[in-house]
Protein backbone atom coordinates (compact mmCIF):
# COMPACT_ATOMS: atom_id res chain seq x y z
CA MET A 1 -6.06 12.79 5.49
CA ARG A 2 -7.78 9.43 5.13
CA ARG A 3 -5.93 6.26 5.93
CA THR A 4 -6.21 3.19 8.09
CA PRO A 5 -5.72 3.13 11.86
CA ALA A 6 -2.18 3.05 13.21
CA ARG A 7 -0.62 -0.32 12.94
CA GLY A 8 2.45 -2.08 14.19
CA GLN A 9 3.44 -4.18 17.16
CA ARG A 10 1.11 -2.69 19.73
CA GLY A 11 -2.62 -2.55 20.29
CA PRO A 12 -5.23 -5.23 19.52
CA ARG A 13 -4.82 -7.26 16.39
CA GLY A 14 -7.69 -7.97 14.01
CA ARG A 15 -9.09 -11.49 14.32
CA LEU A 16 -8.60 -13.68 11.27
CA LEU A 17 -11.97 -14.63 9.77
CA LEU A 18 -11.99 -18.13 8.32
CA TRP A 19 -15.44 -17.94 6.75
CA LEU A 20 -17.21 -14.98 5.14
CA LEU A 21 -20.88 -14.60 4.33
CA PRO A 22 -21.67 -14.64 0.60
CA MET A 23 -22.01 -11.21 -0.93
CA LEU A 24 -25.07 -10.91 -3.15
CA LEU A 25 -25.09 -7.18 -3.83
CA LEU A 26 -23.19 -7.53 -7.07
CA ALA A 27 -22.92 -10.74 -9.07
CA ALA A 28 -19.57 -9.78 -10.50
CA CYS A 29 -17.92 -9.37 -7.09
CA THR A 30 -16.23 -12.17 -5.20
CA ALA A 31 -15.38 -12.74 -1.55
CA GLY A 32 -12.22 -13.92 0.26
CA PRO A 33 -10.07 -15.11 1.85
CA ASP A 34 -12.11 -18.32 1.74
CA ASP A 35 -13.39 -17.63 -1.75
CA ASP A 36 -12.66 -20.13 -4.53
CA GLY A 37 -13.21 -17.65 -7.35
CA ASP A 38 -10.52 -16.58 -9.76
CA ASP A 39 -10.08 -13.01 -8.47
CA ASN A 40 -7.86 -12.18 -11.47
CA GLY A 41 -5.06 -14.17 -9.89
CA PRO A 42 -3.32 -17.54 -9.92
CA GLY A 43 -3.41 -20.30 -7.41
CA PRO A 44 -0.07 -21.75 -6.31
CA GLY A 45 2.40 -21.70 -9.18
CA PRO A 46 5.98 -20.88 -10.07
CA ALA A 47 7.61 -17.83 -8.55
CA PRO A 48 7.47 -14.68 -10.71
CA THR A 49 10.51 -14.22 -12.92
CA ARG A 50 11.92 -11.11 -14.57
CA ALA A 51 15.06 -10.31 -16.49
CA PRO A 52 18.00 -9.16 -14.34
CA GLY A 53 17.51 -5.53 -13.38
CA GLU A 54 13.92 -5.49 -14.62
CA ARG A 55 11.48 -3.85 -12.21
CA TRP A 56 7.97 -5.19 -11.62
CA GLN A 57 5.35 -3.20 -13.55
CA PRO A 58 1.83 -4.10 -12.34
CA GLY A 59 -0.92 -3.41 -14.87
CA PRO A 60 -4.51 -2.17 -14.37
CA GLY A 61 -7.09 -4.56 -12.96
CA LEU A 62 -4.62 -6.86 -11.21
CA GLY A 63 -6.12 -8.61 -8.18
CA TRP A 64 -4.56 -8.05 -4.75
CA GLN A 65 -4.73 -8.70 -1.03
CA TRP A 66 -3.84 -6.09 1.59
CA GLN A 67 -3.15 -7.46 5.08
CA LEU A 68 -1.24 -5.50 7.71
CA THR A 69 -2.49 -7.10 10.96
CA GLY A 70 -3.20 -10.56 12.31
CA LYS A 71 -1.69 -13.89 11.33
CA LEU A 72 -0.77 -13.75 7.66
CA ASP A 73 -3.24 -15.75 5.56
CA THR A 74 -1.40 -16.95 2.47
CA SER A 75 -4.40 -18.78 0.99
CA VAL A 76 -6.06 -15.80 -0.71
CA ASN A 77 -6.31 -16.38 -4.45
CA ALA A 78 -4.73 -13.08 -5.50
CA PRO A 79 -1.54 -12.48 -7.50
CA VAL A 80 -0.40 -9.53 -5.34
CA TYR A 81 0.06 -9.31 -1.56
CA ASP A 82 0.65 -6.00 0.25
CA VAL A 83 1.98 -6.70 3.77
CA ASP A 84 3.83 -4.96 6.61
CA GLY A 85 7.53 -4.62 5.83
CA PHE A 86 8.71 -4.88 9.43
CA THR A 87 6.58 -7.72 10.74
CA THR A 88 6.59 -9.92 7.63
CA THR A 89 9.58 -12.26 7.59
CA LYS A 90 11.91 -13.10 4.74
CA GLU A 91 10.59 -16.65 4.88
CA GLN A 92 6.98 -15.50 4.52
CA VAL A 93 7.90 -13.35 1.52
CA ALA A 94 9.71 -16.32 -0.06
CA GLY A 95 6.68 -18.52 0.52
CA LEU A 96 4.35 -16.05 -1.17
CA LYS A 97 6.69 -15.72 -4.13
CA LYS A 98 7.03 -19.49 -4.42
CA ASP A 99 3.26 -19.59 -4.83
CA GLY A 100 3.44 -17.10 -7.69
CA ARG A 101 2.68 -13.87 -5.84
CA GLU A 102 4.28 -10.47 -6.17
CA VAL A 103 4.79 -8.95 -2.71
CA ILE A 104 4.60 -5.26 -1.69
CA CYS A 105 6.39 -3.94 1.40
CA TYR A 106 4.21 -1.54 3.42
CA LEU A 107 6.15 1.20 5.25
CA SER A 108 5.41 4.67 6.57
CA THR A 109 7.75 7.16 4.93
CA GLY A 110 6.00 10.40 5.86
CA ALA A 111 5.24 9.82 9.53
CA TRP A 112 7.27 8.60 12.50
CA GLU A 113 5.93 5.57 14.40
CA ASP A 114 7.06 5.02 17.97
CA PHE A 115 6.55 1.25 17.76
CA ARG A 116 9.05 0.61 14.96
CA PRO A 117 12.49 -0.81 15.82
CA ASP A 118 14.27 2.16 14.20
CA ALA A 119 12.15 4.84 15.90
CA GLY A 120 15.15 6.05 17.92
CA ASP A 121 17.11 6.84 14.75
CA PHE A 122 14.85 9.79 13.88
CA PRO A 123 16.01 13.13 15.39
CA LYS A 124 13.43 14.67 17.71
CA GLU A 125 13.49 17.96 15.83
CA MET A 126 12.27 16.06 12.76
CA LEU A 127 9.05 14.99 14.51
CA GLY A 128 5.98 17.15 14.09
CA LYS A 129 2.39 16.99 15.24
CA GLY A 130 0.44 13.79 15.62
CA ASN A 131 -1.27 12.57 12.49
CA GLY A 132 -4.36 11.38 14.33
CA TRP A 133 -3.15 7.88 15.11
CA GLU A 134 -1.64 6.64 18.35
CA GLY A 135 2.14 6.79 18.43
CA GLU A 136 2.52 8.53 15.06
CA ARG A 137 3.80 12.02 14.20
CA TRP A 138 4.38 13.76 10.90
CA LEU A 139 7.97 14.05 9.67
CA ASP A 140 9.63 17.24 8.49
CA LEU A 141 10.14 16.03 4.96
CA ARG A 142 12.14 19.14 4.05
CA ARG A 143 15.11 17.57 5.88
CA LEU A 144 16.10 15.42 2.92
CA THR A 145 19.74 14.98 3.93
CA GLU A 146 18.74 13.40 7.24
CA LEU A 147 15.73 11.50 5.95
CA GLU A 148 17.38 9.90 2.95
CA PRO A 149 19.61 7.40 4.82
CA LEU A 150 16.77 6.49 7.21
CA ILE A 151 14.34 5.69 4.40
CA ALA A 152 17.09 4.04 2.36
CA LYS A 153 17.79 1.67 5.26
CA ARG A 154 14.13 0.70 5.39
CA PHE A 155 14.08 0.07 1.65
CA ASP A 156 17.24 -2.03 2.03
CA MET A 157 15.25 -4.16 4.45
CA CYS A 158 12.45 -4.60 1.90
CA ARG A 159 14.93 -5.56 -0.82
CA ASP A 160 16.83 -7.96 1.44
CA LYS A 161 13.61 -9.71 2.46
CA GLY A 162 12.82 -10.31 -1.20
CA PHE A 163 9.95 -7.87 -1.71
CA ASP A 164 9.09 -6.76 -5.23
CA ALA A 165 7.77 -3.29 -4.39
CA VAL A 166 7.19 -0.70 -1.69
CA GLU A 167 3.98 1.01 -0.54
CA PRO A 168 5.18 4.22 1.19
CA ASP A 169 2.45 5.64 3.42
CA ASN A 170 1.73 9.20 4.64
CA MET A 171 2.86 10.81 1.41
CA ASP A 172 0.67 13.92 1.69
CA GLY A 173 1.90 15.70 4.82
CA TYR A 174 1.74 19.07 3.07
CA ARG A 175 -2.07 18.76 2.97
CA ASN A 176 -2.26 18.21 6.73
CA THR A 177 -1.46 20.07 9.95
CA SER A 178 2.01 18.61 10.28
CA GLY A 179 3.62 21.20 12.55
CA PHE A 180 5.88 22.30 9.70
CA PRO A 181 5.29 24.85 6.89
CA LEU A 182 5.36 22.17 4.20
CA THR A 183 4.57 23.18 0.64
CA ALA A 184 3.46 21.23 -2.43
CA ASP A 185 6.99 21.60 -3.81
CA ASP A 186 8.43 20.15 -0.60
CA GLN A 187 6.14 17.15 -1.00
CA LEU A 188 7.04 16.66 -4.66
CA ARG A 189 10.76 16.69 -3.89
CA TYR A 190 10.35 14.20 -1.09
CA ASN A 191 8.01 11.87 -2.98
CA ARG A 192 10.39 11.79 -5.93
CA LEU A 193 13.26 10.99 -3.58
CA VAL A 194 11.23 8.09 -2.15
CA ALA A 195 10.56 6.80 -5.67
CA LYS A 196 14.24 7.07 -6.59
CA LEU A 197 15.37 5.23 -3.46
CA ALA A 198 13.01 2.37 -4.30
CA HIS A 199 14.05 2.23 -7.95
CA ASP A 200 17.74 2.30 -7.05
CA ARG A 201 17.12 -0.98 -5.21
CA GLY A 202 15.18 -2.59 -8.04
CA LEU A 203 11.85 -2.13 -6.25
CA ALA A 204 8.64 -0.88 -7.80
CA VAL A 205 6.96 1.88 -5.78
CA GLY A 206 3.37 3.05 -5.37
CA LEU A 207 2.00 6.54 -4.83
CA LYS A 208 -0.20 6.41 -1.73
CA ASN A 209 -3.24 8.73 -1.92
CA ASP A 210 -1.83 12.28 -2.66
CA LEU A 211 -4.41 12.74 -5.42
CA ASP A 212 -3.59 16.39 -6.09
CA GLN A 213 -0.07 15.53 -7.25
CA ILE A 214 -0.89 12.58 -9.48
CA PRO A 215 -0.35 14.59 -12.71
CA GLN A 216 3.18 15.50 -11.60
CA LEU A 217 4.07 12.10 -10.11
CA VAL A 218 2.48 9.47 -12.34
CA GLY A 219 5.72 9.21 -14.29
CA ASP A 220 7.78 8.64 -11.14
CA PHE A 221 5.68 5.86 -9.61
CA ASP A 222 4.87 2.37 -10.88
CA PHE A 223 1.37 2.05 -9.40
CA ALA A 224 -1.00 3.81 -7.01
CA VAL A 225 -2.61 2.77 -3.73
CA ASN A 226 -5.78 4.58 -2.72
CA GLU A 227 -8.19 4.53 0.18
CA GLN A 228 -11.85 5.51 -0.14
CA CYS A 229 -11.85 7.30 -3.51
CA ALA A 230 -15.36 5.97 -4.18
CA GLN A 231 -16.72 7.23 -0.86
CA TYR A 232 -15.37 10.70 -1.58
CA GLY A 233 -16.12 10.78 -5.32
CA GLU A 234 -12.47 10.94 -6.35
CA CYS A 235 -11.77 7.73 -8.29
CA GLU A 236 -11.65 9.45 -11.67
CA ARG A 237 -8.61 11.38 -10.47
CA LEU A 238 -6.63 8.12 -10.46
CA THR A 239 -7.16 7.46 -14.16
CA PRO A 240 -3.76 8.88 -15.23
CA PHE A 241 -2.20 5.75 -13.74
CA VAL A 242 -4.56 3.47 -15.63
CA ALA A 243 -4.00 5.44 -18.84
CA ALA A 244 -0.26 4.89 -18.35
CA GLY A 245 -0.81 1.13 -18.02
CA LYS A 246 -0.22 1.14 -14.26
CA ALA A 247 -2.28 -0.56 -11.55
CA VAL A 248 -4.41 1.31 -9.03
CA PHE A 249 -4.86 -0.78 -5.88
CA HIS A 250 -7.98 0.62 -4.23
CA VAL A 251 -9.84 -0.13 -0.99
CA GLU A 252 -13.11 0.99 0.58
CA TYR A 253 -14.03 0.50 4.23
CA GLU A 254 -17.54 1.89 4.62
CA LEU A 255 -19.18 1.22 1.25
CA PRO A 256 -20.53 -2.21 0.23
CA LEU A 257 -19.28 -3.71 -3.02
CA GLY A 258 -22.49 -2.87 -4.83
CA ARG A 259 -21.80 0.83 -4.36
CA PHE A 260 -18.46 0.92 -6.16
CA CYS A 261 -17.51 -2.29 -8.00
CA ALA A 262 -19.21 -1.50 -11.30
CA ARG A 263 -17.57 1.92 -11.55
CA SER A 264 -14.23 0.55 -10.36
CA LYS A 265 -14.25 -1.97 -13.19
CA GLU A 266 -15.12 0.73 -15.71
CA LEU A 267 -12.13 2.77 -14.52
CA GLY A 268 -9.77 -0.21 -14.43
CA LEU A 269 -9.17 -0.12 -10.66
CA SER A 270 -8.23 -3.13 -8.53
CA SER A 271 -10.81 -2.69 -5.78
CA LEU A 272 -11.42 -4.35 -2.42
CA GLN A 273 -13.73 -3.92 0.54
CA LYS A 274 -11.71 -4.20 3.76
CA LYS A 275 -12.14 -3.57 7.47
CA TYR A 276 -10.20 -0.70 9.03
CA GLU A 277 -7.89 -3.04 10.95
CA LEU A 278 -6.69 -4.51 7.63
CA ASP A 279 -6.64 -8.09 8.75
CA ALA A 280 -7.13 -10.99 6.32
CA TRP A 281 -10.83 -10.32 5.72
CA ARG A 282 -11.65 -9.00 2.27
CA LYS A 283 -14.23 -8.87 -0.48
CA ALA A 284 -12.98 -8.26 -4.00
CA CYS A 285 -14.66 -6.82 -7.07
């Protein structure tokens, strides 16, 4: 499994960087959050509008910002913000939407986190082995009857705060040592439940990583979120989303822009370079 370090309301926060050095490796790439370039997104403008009951459908190549730690920087010139669902307030979401942004609610749906306010609601027998990050343990996603109301409550929170979409994390427990005999079919059933719970609340939903199941799940999810596909030579596996007219929000941590931007643009990905702490710092293709 590849994903960012554990995040939440404990541990050191990433320091907000107000100025970034210019990036000269690739002329087509831009830097933020202090960048004045277009970044495929609007500056402040009217809040996004859709017909009643219409779900957001992000298309390929849409610019984005992903910030899960540190003081929220709302100045990034990107049309999409992906932020922590628990720590981001309803007022912050409203402010982003007033400025013309679509806002994604980050949550973990496949792993338990001891620092979340609802951690005590998860039965102990549902908690498996640690997933490699402090305070986190895999969930027994076969227990759909017990999991459904817990995840539904979290999605209710996202909806009530005004989010447009959900990014459910840890969606590939069956590929990891979870402590449970999870199968690919178990994962498919659970991931489809997660998608349904989001859609029932009018929220778009993204498939996080889980590359092996993209062919089966591309029809259930509205976009994809991927970490490090360029580093591991896997970006082509995300093309079913692009072919379906759906965005792929992609981030690299260890590669400079010049190593992946050109190919990302060819594939239609929305690519960023970020630091592992996922603070406001970014460089965009």
